Every structure is written in structure tokens, then in C-alpha cells.
Amino acid sequence: MVASSASSPESSGRDIELDTAALRVLAHPLRLNVLTLLRERGPSTATRISDELGINPGAASYHLRRLASGGLIVEEPDRGTGRERWWKSAHRQSIHDPAAAPAEQREAGRAYTHAVALAAADRLRRAAHEVPLLPQEWLDVATYGDFLLYLTPGDVDRMRTEIFEVVSRYRHAESEAPEGSSPVALQVQAFPVPGTALPPAGEA
């Protein structure tokens, strides 16, 4: 299962199972980062998003329009001016399970998974730049682990399920978050060591 982004104070609280059209909209790492920002920080504008992600406002506007066309974000008509549009996430989390997806979704699902991996790598890079500035109490508990395991696909599937069960026990709505809490990004990545699981050259 590929789950993109975490809960948002402004979202409807519902998760969305991505269909083929939505998978194609989200098959872009920058677009995923825009959606993640809206889910984590709440409603925003193209200008604010461009400043946060270091992109130009025109690119931010384009990605917002694409997300809106896919039904992943909605406009907040009561905020801003005629020239400044505010957008918010329409859902809490995007979910795609390649194992359960129909055959016609495989190509779009693979492109989406690729984008999720690239977006996660970019997010980790940005987090790494803040490590020297973190308060000691957060530095003491932040985890950047990398483990080498020898597993079958079935082993990975079972481990993934167990990890997600643990994550679900710690999920709170923002209104229920304990005092002193801060949004924490937990990345779960399990993949074959590069170069070890590819089919022989010439095979699909």
C-alpha cells in the first residue's frame, strides 16, 4: 500500500482510494509535495506554496489547478481576494494498494509509486537540512534508520501490515493531539536493494 500524506486539520477526515485518473494527476513528485503541504499546514495560496517549496508561483498555480481537476483539493471561496485563491485538501490521506488494484491501473499505479518515492526523498532531504537546528529534545528522538533484511515479498507484506497497525494507534486528529505535540512525518519505506530484484535485461 502506498499512502501519501498525513492527516490535515482542514480536510474532511476521509481517506480517498485513488482511481486511475487521480493516480495520473498525482504521478508527479512536486504535485504530491503541494498536496502534502495543504494537508499538513491547512489552506494556502499559490504564492505561499511557492515560497515554502522554493518554486515559482506560476508552477504552484499549475499544480494546484491539476489537483483541483482531479478532485483532490477544493477552493475556499470565503478567503482571499479575486486575485488570490485559497485551496485546501479534500481528503485526509490518499491510498493506493497495488496488490488490490485492477490490471488497468498498473501503469498509472507504477508512475504514482515512483512519484511517491521521489517526493519522500525530497522531503527527507529538506528535513536533513533542519537537523542541526532541531531542539535537543526532538533530536534525541528523531530516527533515521536503515536496515538490511533478507525477506520474501510475503514477509514484506506482513511486516508492512504490522507497521501500519502500530501507526494507526498513534494517529490523532489535530484537536485531540496531546499538549506539546508537533506534526511528525513518519516515512515507511521497504524496497529491494537497488539492482538486486530487476528482471534480466530484455525481459519485461
Protein backbone atom coordinates (compact mmCIF):
# COMPACT_ATOMS: atom_id res chain seq x y z
CA MET A 1 0.00 0.00 0.00
CA VAL A 2 1.25 3.46 -0.90
CA ALA A 3 -0.19 6.08 1.43
CA SER A 4 0.59 9.66 0.51
CA SER A 5 0.44 12.41 3.11
CA ALA A 6 -0.91 12.61 6.62
CA SER A 7 -3.97 14.00 8.33
CA SER A 8 -4.92 17.63 7.92
CA PRO A 9 -6.78 19.94 10.26
CA GLU A 10 -8.74 21.31 7.32
CA SER A 11 -9.51 18.08 5.48
CA SER A 12 -12.81 16.28 5.58
CA GLY A 13 -11.20 13.50 7.62
CA ARG A 14 -11.90 10.97 4.88
CA ASP A 15 -9.29 8.91 3.05
CA ILE A 16 -9.52 8.53 -0.70
CA GLU A 17 -8.85 5.33 -2.64
CA LEU A 18 -7.18 6.64 -5.77
CA ASP A 19 -8.72 5.74 -9.12
CA THR A 20 -6.80 5.75 -12.40
CA ALA A 21 -7.48 9.43 -13.10
CA ALA A 22 -6.32 10.50 -9.63
CA LEU A 23 -3.22 8.31 -9.89
CA ARG A 24 -2.28 10.10 -13.10
CA VAL A 25 -2.78 13.52 -11.50
CA LEU A 26 -0.52 12.52 -8.60
CA ALA A 27 2.20 10.93 -10.73
CA HIS A 28 4.40 13.98 -10.14
CA PRO A 29 6.57 14.42 -7.02
CA LEU A 30 6.16 18.19 -6.85
CA ARG A 31 2.38 17.86 -7.07
CA LEU A 32 2.49 15.38 -4.21
CA ASN A 33 4.53 17.86 -2.17
CA VAL A 34 1.94 20.57 -2.82
CA LEU A 35 -0.86 18.26 -1.66
CA THR A 36 1.13 17.20 1.40
CA LEU A 37 1.70 20.84 2.34
CA LEU A 38 -2.02 21.58 2.20
CA ARG A 39 -2.78 18.53 4.34
CA GLU A 40 -0.18 19.40 6.95
CA ARG A 41 -0.44 23.18 7.13
CA GLY A 42 -4.05 23.78 6.10
CA PRO A 43 -5.38 26.11 3.38
CA SER A 44 -2.89 28.10 1.35
CA THR A 45 -2.34 30.08 -1.84
CA ALA A 46 -0.05 29.61 -4.81
CA THR A 47 2.21 32.40 -3.51
CA ARG A 48 2.58 30.85 -0.08
CA ILE A 49 3.18 27.39 -1.53
CA SER A 50 5.79 28.71 -3.96
CA ASP A 51 7.68 30.31 -1.05
CA GLU A 52 7.51 27.15 1.05
CA LEU A 53 8.64 24.75 -1.70
CA GLY A 54 11.04 27.10 -3.50
CA ILE A 55 9.19 27.08 -6.83
CA ASN A 56 7.78 29.93 -8.90
CA PRO A 57 4.15 30.98 -8.34
CA GLY A 58 3.18 30.01 -11.87
CA ALA A 59 4.27 26.41 -11.28
CA ALA A 60 2.44 26.35 -7.95
CA SER A 61 -0.74 27.62 -9.63
CA TYR A 62 -0.46 24.99 -12.35
CA HIS A 63 -0.10 22.13 -9.87
CA LEU A 64 -2.99 23.47 -7.77
CA ARG A 65 -5.23 23.52 -10.84
CA ARG A 66 -4.26 19.95 -11.71
CA LEU A 67 -5.01 18.79 -8.16
CA ALA A 68 -8.36 20.58 -8.27
CA SER A 69 -9.24 19.00 -11.61
CA GLY A 70 -8.66 15.59 -10.02
CA GLY A 71 -10.93 16.39 -7.08
CA LEU A 72 -8.05 16.22 -4.60
CA ILE A 73 -8.29 19.81 -3.42
CA VAL A 74 -11.10 22.36 -3.30
CA GLU A 75 -11.21 26.13 -3.24
CA GLU A 76 -12.11 28.12 -0.14
CA PRO A 77 -14.31 30.87 -1.57
CA ASP A 78 -14.59 32.83 1.69
CA ARG A 79 -10.88 33.56 1.94
CA GLY A 80 -8.61 35.79 -0.09
CA THR A 81 -9.38 38.21 -2.89
CA GLY A 82 -10.37 37.85 -6.50
CA ARG A 83 -6.72 37.52 -7.49
CA GLU A 84 -5.64 35.31 -4.59
CA ARG A 85 -7.33 31.93 -4.43
CA TRP A 86 -7.12 29.77 -1.31
CA TRP A 87 -7.09 25.99 -1.59
CA LYS A 88 -7.49 23.14 0.89
CA SER A 89 -7.19 19.37 0.74
CA ALA A 90 -10.41 17.48 0.13
CA HIS A 91 -9.22 14.36 1.96
CA ARG A 92 -7.08 13.28 4.87
CA GLN A 93 -4.94 10.76 3.00
CA SER A 94 -4.52 9.20 -0.44
CA ILE A 95 -4.35 5.41 -0.56
CA HIS A 96 -3.31 3.08 -3.37
CA ASP A 97 -2.77 -0.65 -2.90
CA PRO A 98 -1.01 -2.07 -5.99
CA ALA A 99 -1.81 -5.65 -4.94
CA ALA A 100 -5.54 -4.95 -4.89
CA ALA A 101 -5.69 -2.60 -7.88
CA PRO A 102 -7.27 -3.75 -11.17
CA ALA A 103 -4.97 -4.57 -14.06
CA GLU A 104 -5.85 -1.39 -15.94
CA GLN A 105 -4.40 0.67 -13.07
CA ARG A 106 -0.97 -0.95 -13.09
CA GLU A 107 0.79 1.55 -15.34
CA ALA A 108 -0.73 4.58 -13.58
CA GLY A 109 -0.07 2.97 -10.19
CA ARG A 110 3.58 2.37 -11.02
CA ALA A 111 4.03 6.01 -12.08
CA TYR A 112 2.33 7.18 -8.87
CA THR A 113 4.53 4.93 -6.71
CA HIS A 114 7.59 6.34 -8.47
CA ALA A 115 6.42 9.88 -7.69
CA VAL A 116 5.74 8.99 -4.04
CA ALA A 117 9.29 7.65 -3.66
CA LEU A 118 10.79 10.79 -5.22
CA ALA A 119 8.63 13.08 -3.07
CA ALA A 120 9.64 11.17 0.08
CA ALA A 121 13.31 11.52 -0.83
CA ASP A 122 12.87 15.27 -1.33
CA ARG A 123 11.09 15.61 1.99
CA LEU A 124 13.86 13.72 3.76
CA ARG A 125 16.44 15.98 2.13
CA ARG A 126 14.61 19.08 3.41
CA ALA A 127 14.33 17.56 6.89
CA ALA A 128 18.07 16.80 6.87
CA HIS A 129 18.85 20.50 6.41
CA GLU A 130 17.00 21.24 9.66
CA VAL A 131 18.76 18.59 11.76
CA PRO A 132 21.48 21.00 13.01
CA LEU A 133 18.74 23.41 14.18
CA LEU A 134 16.44 20.96 15.97
CA PRO A 135 15.84 21.40 19.71
CA GLN A 136 17.71 18.72 21.63
CA GLU A 137 14.52 17.04 22.84
CA TRP A 138 13.49 16.39 19.23
CA LEU A 139 16.99 15.45 18.09
CA ASP A 140 17.12 12.83 20.85
CA VAL A 141 14.06 11.00 19.48
CA ALA A 142 14.26 11.65 15.73
CA THR A 143 15.09 8.44 13.87
CA TYR A 144 16.86 7.96 10.55
CA GLY A 145 17.24 4.20 10.33
CA ASP A 146 18.41 1.99 7.50
CA PHE A 147 18.22 -1.79 7.96
CA LEU A 148 19.29 -4.60 5.65
CA LEU A 149 16.83 -7.52 5.84
CA TYR A 150 16.53 -10.68 3.73
CA LEU A 151 12.82 -11.09 3.07
CA THR A 152 10.36 -12.56 0.61
CA PRO A 153 7.55 -10.41 -0.83
CA GLY A 154 5.22 -12.17 1.61
CA ASP A 155 7.46 -11.22 4.53
CA VAL A 156 7.43 -7.58 3.44
CA ASP A 157 3.65 -7.63 3.12
CA ARG A 158 3.21 -8.99 6.67
CA MET A 159 5.75 -6.55 8.14
CA ARG A 160 4.08 -3.64 6.36
CA THR A 161 0.70 -4.60 7.81
CA GLU A 162 2.15 -4.81 11.32
CA ILE A 163 3.84 -1.41 10.98
CA PHE A 164 0.63 0.24 9.76
CA GLU A 165 -1.24 -1.23 12.73
CA VAL A 166 1.24 0.46 15.08
CA VAL A 167 0.95 3.76 13.19
CA SER A 168 -2.84 3.68 13.47
CA ARG A 169 -2.60 3.53 17.27
CA TYR A 170 -0.70 6.82 17.33
CA ARG A 171 -2.84 8.78 14.89
CA HIS A 172 -4.76 11.70 16.40
CA ALA A 173 -6.90 14.40 14.91
CA GLU A 174 -5.22 17.76 15.50
CA SER A 175 -7.95 18.65 18.01
CA GLU A 176 -7.05 15.51 20.01
CA ALA A 177 -3.28 15.88 19.84
CA PRO A 178 -1.55 15.84 23.25
CA GLU A 179 -0.12 19.05 24.65
CA GLY A 180 3.42 19.69 23.46
CA SER A 181 2.97 17.65 20.29
CA SER A 182 4.24 18.68 16.87
CA PRO A 183 3.42 17.25 13.43
CA VAL A 184 5.78 14.33 12.85
CA ALA A 185 6.39 12.82 9.42
CA LEU A 186 6.88 9.06 9.62
CA GLN A 187 8.19 7.61 6.37
CA VAL A 188 7.83 3.87 5.85
CA GLN A 189 9.95 2.52 3.01
CA ALA A 190 10.58 -1.12 2.18
CA PHE A 191 12.14 -1.86 -1.20
CA PRO A 192 14.59 -4.31 -2.77
CA VAL A 193 18.20 -3.13 -2.59
CA PRO A 194 18.75 -1.34 -5.91
CA GLY A 195 19.99 -3.68 -8.62
CA THR A 196 19.02 -6.92 -6.85
CA ALA A 197 15.43 -7.57 -7.93
CA LEU A 198 15.30 -6.31 -11.51
CA PRO A 199 14.43 -8.84 -14.24
CA PRO A 200 17.25 -9.85 -16.60
CA ALA A 201 17.96 -7.44 -19.44
CA GLY A 202 15.45 -7.84 -22.26
CA GLU A 203 12.67 -9.16 -20.08
CA ALA A 204 9.58 -7.06 -19.26
